Amino acid sequence: MPMNHSWPVRCRGRVKRERTSTLALPTLTPEQRADALAKAAEARKARSELLAQIKSGERTIASVLGKAKDDKTIGKTKVAALLKAVPGLGAVKVAALLEQAGIDPDRRAAGLGDRQRSALIDALN
């Protein structure tokens, strides 16, 4: 496996280079690539529609988080992105809410536990 050198890292006063490995991506046929691109575009469109519905008030964050385990679109969306779509919540308030509820900022909605979900909903109410 080929190793690439990347950015320098300080260790005991000396500059060392951290090693990272690179893996070859599978070769896709043009047809497979087109299918994958179409599927990704469809997922992005569905996520943007979901966020627009939250922003407009059509859907509440509690109902969305309740369906996170069943709905792939909701489940793969980051919790921080869902919260930022709520009117009145910006990056700073969202970060504070996530920290208060003990949720990692990179957590996706399907990865929330029952306690985390209820803590988040309680903090919003």
Protein backbone atom coordinates (compact mmCIF):
# COMPACT_ATOMS: atom_id res chain seq x y z
CA MET A 1 0.00 0.00 0.00
CA PRO A 2 1.59 3.32 -1.02
CA MET A 3 2.11 5.87 1.73
CA ASN A 4 1.94 9.60 1.14
CA HIS A 5 3.48 12.24 3.33
CA SER A 6 1.23 15.10 4.35
CA TRP A 7 1.42 18.12 6.67
CA PRO A 8 4.14 18.43 9.32
CA VAL A 9 3.42 17.50 12.93
CA ARG A 10 5.33 18.69 16.03
CA CYS A 11 6.63 15.95 18.28
CA ARG A 12 9.09 16.61 21.14
CA GLY A 13 10.20 19.87 19.57
CA ARG A 14 10.97 18.27 16.22
CA VAL A 15 8.90 18.50 13.08
CA LYS A 16 7.78 15.10 11.86
CA ARG A 17 5.73 14.20 8.86
CA GLU A 18 2.51 12.33 9.48
CA ARG A 19 1.89 9.46 7.08
CA THR A 20 -1.44 8.86 5.45
CA SER A 21 -2.44 5.98 3.25
CA THR A 22 -4.32 6.29 0.00
CA LEU A 23 -6.62 3.65 -1.40
CA ALA A 24 -7.55 3.32 -5.04
CA LEU A 25 -11.21 3.98 -5.77
CA PRO A 26 -13.10 1.29 -7.66
CA THR A 27 -13.30 1.85 -11.38
CA LEU A 28 -16.87 2.59 -12.44
CA THR A 29 -18.29 2.22 -15.89
CA PRO A 30 -19.71 5.43 -17.36
CA GLU A 31 -23.21 4.01 -16.80
CA GLN A 32 -22.51 3.26 -13.11
CA ARG A 33 -20.98 6.70 -12.66
CA ALA A 34 -24.03 8.40 -14.20
CA ASP A 35 -26.34 6.36 -11.94
CA ALA A 36 -24.31 7.29 -8.86
CA LEU A 37 -24.31 10.98 -9.80
CA ALA A 38 -28.08 10.94 -10.36
CA LYS A 39 -28.64 9.19 -7.03
CA ALA A 40 -26.45 11.73 -5.21
CA ALA A 41 -28.24 14.66 -6.86
CA GLU A 42 -31.61 13.19 -5.85
CA ALA A 43 -30.45 12.80 -2.23
CA ARG A 44 -29.18 16.42 -2.13
CA LYS A 45 -32.49 17.66 -3.53
CA ALA A 46 -34.48 15.66 -0.94
CA ARG A 47 -32.31 17.03 1.91
CA SER A 48 -32.70 20.61 0.69
CA GLU A 49 -36.50 20.16 0.48
CA LEU A 50 -36.52 18.76 4.02
CA LEU A 51 -34.54 21.74 5.33
CA ALA A 52 -36.86 24.14 3.47
CA GLN A 53 -39.91 22.48 5.09
CA ILE A 54 -38.35 22.90 8.55
CA LYS A 55 -37.45 26.52 7.77
CA SER A 56 -40.99 27.32 6.58
CA GLY A 57 -42.59 25.66 9.60
CA GLU A 58 -44.32 22.86 7.64
CA ARG A 59 -42.45 20.30 9.73
CA THR A 60 -41.29 20.53 13.32
CA ILE A 61 -37.87 19.41 14.45
CA ALA A 62 -39.51 16.97 16.91
CA SER A 63 -41.47 15.21 14.16
CA VAL A 64 -38.42 15.11 11.88
CA LEU A 65 -36.16 13.63 14.57
CA GLY A 66 -38.87 11.09 15.41
CA LYS A 67 -38.75 9.73 11.86
CA ALA A 68 -34.94 9.74 11.58
CA LYS A 69 -34.53 5.97 12.01
CA ASP A 70 -37.10 5.12 9.30
CA ASP A 71 -36.49 7.82 6.66
CA LYS A 72 -33.10 7.63 4.91
CA THR A 73 -33.14 11.28 3.90
CA ILE A 74 -33.65 12.46 7.47
CA GLY A 75 -31.33 9.82 8.92
CA LYS A 76 -28.37 10.84 6.79
CA THR A 77 -28.78 14.56 7.47
CA LYS A 78 -26.53 16.05 10.16
CA VAL A 79 -28.36 17.13 13.31
CA ALA A 80 -26.60 20.52 13.19
CA ALA A 81 -27.97 21.16 9.67
CA LEU A 82 -31.50 20.26 10.81
CA LEU A 83 -31.24 22.62 13.78
CA LYS A 84 -29.81 25.47 11.71
CA ALA A 85 -32.91 25.23 9.52
CA VAL A 86 -35.12 26.08 12.51
CA PRO A 87 -35.99 29.80 12.40
CA GLY A 88 -34.14 31.72 15.11
CA LEU A 89 -31.33 29.19 15.51
CA GLY A 90 -27.91 30.06 14.11
CA ALA A 91 -24.53 28.40 14.32
CA VAL A 92 -23.74 29.64 17.84
CA LYS A 93 -27.08 28.62 19.38
CA VAL A 94 -26.97 25.26 17.59
CA ALA A 95 -23.45 24.56 18.90
CA ALA A 96 -24.59 25.44 22.44
CA LEU A 97 -27.67 23.19 22.16
CA LEU A 98 -25.62 20.26 20.88
CA GLU A 99 -23.07 20.68 23.65
CA GLN A 100 -25.80 20.95 26.28
CA ALA A 101 -27.43 17.74 25.00
CA GLY A 102 -24.06 15.96 24.73
CA ILE A 103 -24.28 15.47 20.97
CA ASP A 104 -21.27 15.52 18.64
CA PRO A 105 -21.64 18.31 16.01
CA ASP A 106 -20.99 15.80 13.22
CA ARG A 107 -23.66 13.33 14.40
CA ARG A 108 -26.29 12.37 11.86
CA ALA A 109 -29.96 12.22 12.83
CA ALA A 110 -30.22 8.42 12.62
CA GLY A 111 -27.29 8.11 15.03
CA LEU A 112 -29.05 9.91 17.88
CA GLY A 113 -29.99 7.85 20.90
CA ASP A 114 -33.38 8.14 22.57
CA ARG A 115 -31.97 10.18 25.45
CA GLN A 116 -30.10 12.53 23.11
CA ARG A 117 -33.21 13.03 20.98
CA SER A 118 -35.43 13.78 23.97
CA ALA A 119 -32.79 16.07 25.53
CA LEU A 120 -32.56 18.02 22.30
CA ILE A 121 -36.33 18.35 21.93
CA ASP A 122 -36.66 19.41 25.58
CA ALA A 123 -33.93 22.04 25.11
CA LEU A 124 -35.81 23.48 22.13
CA ASN A 125 -39.12 23.76 23.99
